[in-house]
PDB file of N, CA and C in Angstrom:
ATOM      1  N   UNK A   1     -30.240-108.968  31.542  1.00  0.00           N
ATOM      2  CA  UNK A   1     -30.545-109.641  30.286  1.00  0.00           C
ATOM      3  C   UNK A   1     -29.464-109.362  29.250  1.00  0.00           C
ATOM      4  N   UNK A   2     -29.280-110.306  28.380  1.00  0.00           N
ATOM      5  CA  UNK A   2     -28.280-110.147  27.329  1.00  0.00           C
ATOM      6  C   UNK A   2     -28.645-108.979  26.416  1.00  0.00           C
ATOM      7  N   UNK A   3     -29.929-108.825  26.132  1.00  0.00           N
ATOM      8  CA  UNK A   3     -30.357-107.749  25.235  1.00  0.00           C
ATOM      9  C   UNK A   3     -29.957-106.384  25.774  1.00  0.00           C
ATOM     10  N   UNK A   4     -30.165-106.167  27.059  1.00  0.00           N
ATOM     11  CA  UNK A   4     -29.820-104.884  27.682  1.00  0.00           C
ATOM     12  C   UNK A   4     -28.304-104.689  27.721  1.00  0.00           C
ATOM     13  N   UNK A   5     -27.574-105.772  28.006  1.00  0.00           N
ATOM     14  CA  UNK A   5     -26.116-105.716  28.046  1.00  0.00           C
ATOM     15  C   UNK A   5     -25.565-105.297  26.687  1.00  0.00           C
ATOM     16  N   UNK A   6     -26.017-105.958  25.626  1.00  0.00           N
ATOM     17  CA  UNK A   6     -25.514-105.669  24.275  1.00  0.00           C
ATOM     18  C   UNK A   6     -25.829-104.237  23.886  1.00  0.00           C
ATOM     19  N   UNK A   7     -27.051-103.811  24.125  1.00  0.00           N
ATOM     20  CA  UNK A   7     -27.457-102.454  23.752  1.00  0.00           C
ATOM     21  C   UNK A   7     -26.632-101.410  24.504  1.00  0.00           C
ATOM     22  N   UNK A   8     -26.436-101.608  25.806  1.00  0.00           N
ATOM     23  CA  UNK A   8     -25.664-100.655  26.600  1.00  0.00           C
ATOM     24  C   UNK A   8     -24.206-100.607  26.147  1.00  0.00           C
ATOM     25  N   UNK A   9     -23.613-101.778  25.895  1.00  0.00           N
ATOM     26  CA  UNK A   9     -22.221-101.829  25.445  1.00  0.00           C
ATOM     27  C   UNK A   9     -22.069-101.177  24.071  1.00  0.00           C
ATOM     28  N   UNK A  10     -23.022-101.458  23.175  1.00  0.00           N
ATOM     29  CA  UNK A  10     -22.974-100.860  21.838  1.00  0.00           C
ATOM     30  C   UNK A  10     -23.014 -99.348  21.928  1.00  0.00           C
ATOM     31  N   UNK A  11     -23.925 -98.842  22.749  1.00  0.00           N
ATOM     32  CA  UNK A  11     -24.046 -97.388  22.889  1.00  0.00           C
ATOM     33  C   UNK A  11     -22.812 -96.783  23.543  1.00  0.00           C
ATOM     34  N   UNK A  12     -22.219 -97.487  24.520  1.00  0.00           N
ATOM     35  CA  UNK A  12     -21.021 -96.964  25.181  1.00  0.00           C
ATOM     36  C   UNK A  12     -19.841 -96.881  24.215  1.00  0.00           C
ATOM     37  N   UNK A  13     -19.854 -97.734  23.193  1.00  0.00           N
ATOM     38  CA  UNK A  13     -18.811 -97.713  22.171  1.00  0.00           C
ATOM     39  C   UNK A  13     -19.180 -96.792  21.008  1.00  0.00           C
ATOM     40  N   UNK A  14     -20.334 -96.140  21.144  1.00  0.00           N
ATOM     41  CA  UNK A  14     -20.831 -95.221  20.118  1.00  0.00           C
ATOM     42  C   UNK A  14     -20.947 -95.873  18.740  1.00  0.00           C
ATOM     43  N   UNK A  15     -21.506 -97.093  18.736  1.00  0.00           N
ATOM     44  CA  UNK A  15     -21.726 -97.823  17.492  1.00  0.00           C
ATOM     45  C   UNK A  15     -23.208 -97.865  17.174  1.00  0.00           C
ATOM     46  N   UNK A  16     -23.537 -97.808  15.905  1.00  0.00           N
ATOM     47  CA  UNK A  16     -24.919 -98.032  15.492  1.00  0.00           C
ATOM     48  C   UNK A  16     -25.151 -99.536  15.453  1.00  0.00           C
ATOM     49  N   UNK A  17     -26.403 -99.923  15.354  1.00  0.00           N
ATOM     50  CA  UNK A  17     -26.697-101.345  15.218  1.00  0.00           C
ATOM     51  C   UNK A  17     -26.044-101.900  13.960  1.00  0.00           C
ATOM     52  N   UNK A  18     -26.101-101.155  12.888  1.00  0.00           N
ATOM     53  CA  UNK A  18     -25.512-101.613  11.623  1.00  0.00           C
ATOM     54  C   UNK A  18     -24.003-101.793  11.752  1.00  0.00           C
ATOM     55  N   UNK A  19     -23.335-100.878  12.444  1.00  0.00           N
ATOM     56  CA  UNK A  19     -21.893-100.980  12.622  1.00  0.00           C
ATOM     57  C   UNK A  19     -21.517-102.201  13.462  1.00  0.00           C
ATOM     58  N   UNK A  20     -22.232-102.413  14.575  1.00  0.00           N
ATOM     59  CA  UNK A  20     -21.932-103.565  15.424  1.00  0.00           C
ATOM     60  C   UNK A  20     -22.218-104.868  14.690  1.00  0.00           C
ATOM     61  N   UNK A  21     -23.309-104.914  13.948  1.00  0.00           N
ATOM     62  CA  UNK A  21     -23.634-106.116  13.186  1.00  0.00           C
ATOM     63  C   UNK A  21     -22.506-106.448  12.208  1.00  0.00           C
ATOM     64  N   UNK A  22     -22.036-105.446  11.491  1.00  0.00           N
ATOM     65  CA  UNK A  22     -20.975-105.663  10.504  1.00  0.00           C
ATOM     66  C   UNK A  22     -19.670-106.086  11.178  1.00  0.00           C
ATOM     67  N   UNK A  23     -19.306-105.422  12.263  1.00  0.00           N
ATOM     68  CA  UNK A  23     -18.051-105.734  12.956  1.00  0.00           C
ATOM     69  C   UNK A  23     -18.071-107.119  13.588  1.00  0.00           C
ATOM     70  N   UNK A  24     -19.248-107.578  14.029  1.00  0.00           N
ATOM     71  CA  UNK A  24     -19.319-108.878  14.695  1.00  0.00           C
ATOM     72  C   UNK A  24     -19.654-110.018  13.738  1.00  0.00           C
ATOM     73  N   UNK A  25     -20.019-109.700  12.509  1.00  0.00           N
ATOM     74  CA  UNK A  25     -20.269-110.737  11.515  1.00  0.00           C
ATOM     75  C   UNK A  25     -21.671-111.326  11.539  1.00  0.00           C
ATOM     76  N   UNK A  26     -22.628-110.555  12.057  1.00  0.00           N
ATOM     77  CA  UNK A  26     -24.021-110.997  12.041  1.00  0.00           C
ATOM     78  C   UNK A  26     -24.838-110.007  11.234  1.00  0.00           C
ATOM     79  N   UNK A  27     -26.038-110.397  10.883  1.00  0.00           N
ATOM     80  CA  UNK A  27     -26.908-109.511  10.133  1.00  0.00           C
ATOM     81  C   UNK A  27     -27.558-108.463  11.023  1.00  0.00           C
ATOM     82  N   UNK A  28     -27.947-107.362  10.406  1.00  0.00           N
ATOM     83  CA  UNK A  28     -28.607-106.287  11.136  1.00  0.00           C
ATOM     84  C   UNK A  28     -29.908-106.771  11.775  1.00  0.00           C
ATOM     85  N   UNK A  29     -30.666-107.567  11.055  1.00  0.00           N
ATOM     86  CA  UNK A  29     -31.923-108.096  11.598  1.00  0.00           C
ATOM     87  C   UNK A  29     -31.659-108.922  12.865  1.00  0.00           C
ATOM     88  N   UNK A  30     -30.618-109.758  12.825  1.00  0.00           N
ATOM     89  CA  UNK A  30     -30.282-110.561  13.999  1.00  0.00           C
ATOM     90  C   UNK A  30     -29.965-109.663  15.187  1.00  0.00           C
ATOM     91  N   UNK A  31     -29.139-108.640  14.972  1.00  0.00           N
ATOM     92  CA  UNK A  31     -28.763-107.755  16.071  1.00  0.00           C
ATOM     93  C   UNK A  31     -29.984-107.026  16.628  1.00  0.00           C
ATOM     94  N   UNK A  32     -30.861-106.589  15.757  1.00  0.00           N
ATOM     95  CA  UNK A  32     -32.088-105.926  16.231  1.00  0.00           C
ATOM     96  C   UNK A  32     -32.921-106.871  17.087  1.00  0.00           C
ATOM     97  N   UNK A  33     -33.064-108.105  16.636  1.00  0.00           N
ATOM     98  CA  UNK A  33     -33.836-109.084  17.409  1.00  0.00           C
ATOM     99  C   UNK A  33     -33.158-109.387  18.744  1.00  0.00           C
ATOM    100  N   UNK A  34     -31.839-109.449  18.758  1.00  0.00           N
ATOM    101  CA  UNK A  34     -31.094-109.669  19.995  1.00  0.00           C
ATOM    102  C   UNK A  34     -31.355-108.530  20.977  1.00  0.00           C
ATOM    103  N   UNK A  35     -31.242-107.296  20.517  1.00  0.00           N
ATOM    104  CA  UNK A  35     -31.455-106.144  21.388  1.00  0.00           C
ATOM    105  C   UNK A  35     -32.912-106.010  21.834  1.00  0.00           C
ATOM    106  N   UNK A  36     -33.833-106.572  21.060  1.00  0.00           N
ATOM    107  CA  UNK A  36     -35.254-106.526  21.434  1.00  0.00           C
ATOM    108  C   UNK A  36     -35.636-107.665  22.376  1.00  0.00           C
ATOM    109  N   UNK A  37     -34.688-108.560  22.649  1.00  0.00           N
ATOM    110  CA  UNK A  37     -34.940-109.624  23.601  1.00  0.00           C
ATOM    111  C   UNK A  37     -35.629-110.853  23.040  1.00  0.00           C
ATOM    112  N   UNK A  38     -35.517-111.077  21.733  1.00  0.00           N
ATOM    113  CA  UNK A  38     -36.108-112.286  21.153  1.00  0.00           C
ATOM    114  C   UNK A  38     -35.556-113.505  21.882  1.00  0.00           C
ATOM    115  N   UNK A  39     -36.416-114.430  22.225  1.00  0.00           N
ATOM    116  CA  UNK A  39     -36.012-115.559  23.067  1.00  0.00           C
ATOM    117  C   UNK A  39     -35.450-116.741  22.293  1.00  0.00           C
ATOM    118  N   UNK A  40     -35.616-116.765  20.990  1.00  0.00           N
ATOM    119  CA  UNK A  40     -35.089-117.882  20.194  1.00  0.00           C
ATOM    120  C   UNK A  40     -34.086-117.347  19.178  1.00  0.00           C
ATOM    121  N   UNK A  41     -32.831-117.330  19.580  1.00  0.00           N
ATOM    122  CA  UNK A  41     -31.749-116.875  18.717  1.00  0.00           C
ATOM    123  C   UNK A  41     -30.646-117.923  18.704  1.00  0.00           C
ATOM    124  N   UNK A  42     -29.896-117.972  17.632  1.00  0.00           N
ATOM    125  CA  UNK A  42     -28.784-118.922  17.546  1.00  0.00           C
ATOM    126  C   UNK A  42     -27.673-118.510  18.504  1.00  0.00           C
ATOM    127  N   UNK A  43     -27.292-119.427  19.353  1.00  0.00           N
ATOM    128  CA  UNK A  43     -26.294-119.168  20.377  1.00  0.00           C
ATOM    129  C   UNK A  43     -24.936-118.812  19.777  1.00  0.00           C
ATOM    130  N   UNK A  44     -24.563-119.440  18.671  1.00  0.00           N
ATOM    131  CA  UNK A  44     -23.277-119.122  18.057  1.00  0.00           C
ATOM    132  C   UNK A  44     -23.222-117.671  17.596  1.00  0.00           C
ATOM    133  N   UNK A  45     -24.343-117.167  17.098  1.00  0.00           N
ATOM    134  CA  UNK A  45     -24.383-115.776  16.654  1.00  0.00           C
ATOM    135  C   UNK A  45     -24.403-114.817  17.842  1.00  0.00           C
ATOM    136  N   UNK A  46     -25.093-115.204  18.908  1.00  0.00           N
ATOM    137  CA  UNK A  46     -25.079-114.385  20.117  1.00  0.00           C
ATOM    138  C   UNK A  46     -23.641-114.242  20.603  1.00  0.00           C
ATOM    139  N   UNK A  47     -22.894-115.341  20.585  1.00  0.00           N
ATOM    140  CA  UNK A  47     -21.504-115.298  21.023  1.00  0.00           C
ATOM    141  C   UNK A  47     -20.626-114.452  20.105  1.00  0.00           C
ATOM    142  N   UNK A  48     -20.919-114.402  18.812  1.00  0.00           N
ATOM    143  CA  UNK A  48     -20.164-113.526  17.915  1.00  0.00           C
ATOM    144  C   UNK A  48     -20.288-112.076  18.359  1.00  0.00           C
ATOM    145  N   UNK A  49     -21.492-111.686  18.733  1.00  0.00           N
ATOM    146  CA  UNK A  49     -21.729-110.311  19.194  1.00  0.00           C
ATOM    147  C   UNK A  49     -21.061-110.093  20.551  1.00  0.00           C
ATOM    148  N   UNK A  50     -21.257-111.023  21.477  1.00  0.00           N
ATOM    149  CA  UNK A  50     -20.701-110.858  22.817  1.00  0.00           C
ATOM    150  C   UNK A  50     -19.175-110.813  22.817  1.00  0.00           C
ATOM    151  N   UNK A  51     -18.539-111.501  21.879  1.00  0.00           N
ATOM    152  CA  UNK A  51     -17.076-111.488  21.800  1.00  0.00           C
ATOM    153  C   UNK A  51     -16.544-110.083  21.534  1.00  0.00           C
ATOM    154  N   UNK A  52     -17.339-109.246  20.901  1.00  0.00           N
ATOM    155  CA  UNK A  52     -16.932-107.858  20.664  1.00  0.00           C
ATOM    156  C   UNK A  52     -16.698-107.136  21.988  1.00  0.00           C
ATOM    157  N   UNK A  53     -17.301-107.639  23.061  1.00  0.00           N
ATOM    158  CA  UNK A  53     -17.191-107.010  24.375  1.00  0.00           C
ATOM    159  C   UNK A  53     -16.418-107.892  25.359  1.00  0.00           C
ATOM    160  N   UNK A  54     -15.757-108.921  24.840  1.00  0.00           N
ATOM    161  CA  UNK A  54     -14.960-109.791  25.691  1.00  0.00           C
ATOM    162  C   UNK A  54     -15.774-110.760  26.533  1.00  0.00           C
ATOM    163  N   UNK A  55     -16.954-111.140  26.068  1.00  0.00           N
ATOM    164  CA  UNK A  55     -17.825-112.052  26.809  1.00  0.00           C
ATOM    165  C   UNK A  55     -18.319-113.173  25.897  1.00  0.00           C
ATOM    166  N   UNK A  56     -18.913-114.181  26.507  1.00  0.00           N
ATOM    167  CA  UNK A  56     -19.601-115.240  25.770  1.00  0.00           C
ATOM    168  C   UNK A  56     -20.636-115.881  26.682  1.00  0.00           C
ATOM    169  N   UNK A  57     -21.608-116.527  26.079  1.00  0.00           N
ATOM    170  CA  UNK A  57     -22.623-117.257  26.821  1.00  0.00           C
ATOM    171  C   UNK A  57     -22.070-118.638  27.129  1.00  0.00           C
ATOM    172  N   UNK A  58     -22.324-119.116  28.330  1.00  0.00           N
ATOM    173  CA  UNK A  58     -21.855-120.438  28.701  1.00  0.00           C
ATOM    174  C   UNK A  58     -22.742-121.027  29.779  1.00  0.00           C
ATOM    175  N   UNK A  59     -22.491-122.271  30.144  1.00  0.00           N
ATOM    176  CA  UNK A  59     -23.309-122.917  31.163  1.00  0.00           C
ATOM    177  C   UNK A  59     -23.079-122.288  32.537  1.00  0.00           C
ATOM    178  N   UNK A  60     -24.171-122.059  33.217  1.00  0.00           N
ATOM    179  CA  UNK A  60     -24.134-121.479  34.554  1.00  0.00           C
ATOM    180  C   UNK A  60     -24.921-122.404  35.469  1.00  0.00           C
ATOM    181  N   UNK A  61     -24.341-122.746  36.585  1.00  0.00           N
ATOM    182  CA  UNK A  61     -24.992-123.642  37.541  1.00  0.00           C
ATOM    183  C   UNK A  61     -26.255-122.981  38.098  1.00  0.00           C
ATOM    184  N   UNK A  62     -27.356-123.734  38.040  1.00  0.00           N
ATOM    185  CA  UNK A  62     -28.629-123.285  38.601  1.00  0.00           C
ATOM    186  C   UNK A  62     -29.077-124.329  39.619  1.00  0.00           C
ATOM    187  N   UNK A  63     -29.389-123.901  40.788  1.00  0.00           N
ATOM    188  CA  UNK A  63     -29.810-124.809  41.843  1.00  0.00           C
ATOM    189  C   UNK A  63     -31.326-124.971  41.829  1.00  0.00           C
ATOM    190  N   UNK A  64     -31.797-126.171  42.086  1.00  0.00           N
ATOM    191  CA  UNK A  64     -33.233-126.454  42.053  1.00  0.00           C
ATOM    192  C   UNK A  64     -34.011-125.497  42.940  1.00  0.00           C
ATOM    193  N   UNK A  65     -33.444-125.098  44.052  1.00  0.00           N
ATOM    194  CA  UNK A  65     -34.149-124.178  44.950  1.00  0.00           C
ATOM    195  C   UNK A  65     -34.406-122.832  44.287  1.00  0.00           C
ATOM    196  N   UNK A  66     -33.599-122.475  43.264  1.00  0.00           N
ATOM    197  CA  UNK A  66     -33.812-121.234  42.533  1.00  0.00           C
ATOM    198  C   UNK A  66     -34.899-121.399  41.476  1.00  0.00           C
ATOM    199  N   UNK A  67     -35.117-122.610  41.025  1.00  0.00           N
ATOM    200  CA  UNK A  67     -36.087-122.875  39.963  1.00  0.00           C
ATOM    201  C   UNK A  67     -37.456-123.178  40.544  1.00  0.00           C
ATOM    202  N   UNK A  68     -37.489-124.051  41.551  1.00  0.00           N
ATOM    203  CA  UNK A  68     -38.746-124.507  42.132  1.00  0.00           C
ATOM    204  C   UNK A  68     -39.035-123.699  43.390  1.00  0.00           C
ATOM    205  N   UNK A  69     -40.033-122.858  43.302  1.00  0.00           N
ATOM    206  CA  UNK A  69     -40.424-122.025  44.437  1.00  0.00           C
ATOM    207  C   UNK A  69     -41.645-122.647  45.096  1.00  0.00           C
ATOM    208  N   UNK A  70     -41.664-122.648  46.433  1.00  0.00           N
ATOM    209  CA  UNK A  70     -42.835-123.225  47.130  1.00  0.00           C
ATOM    210  C   UNK A  70     -44.089-122.393  46.914  1.00  0.00           C
TER     211      UNK A  70
END
């Protein structure tokens, strides 16, 4: 999950939530919600945070067989 990835990367860089929020240009509340796994977040802001770690969210191919289980 993105929430776990962000939290682990932040901790590995020894940053507080407030520090990462400031460095990535998002609000502290947004970062807290991201790390808590909120399902409705602005994608552009998620990418601002992920760019701090050299990543971004993008389209990933999903096959129907992975979605529809018998």
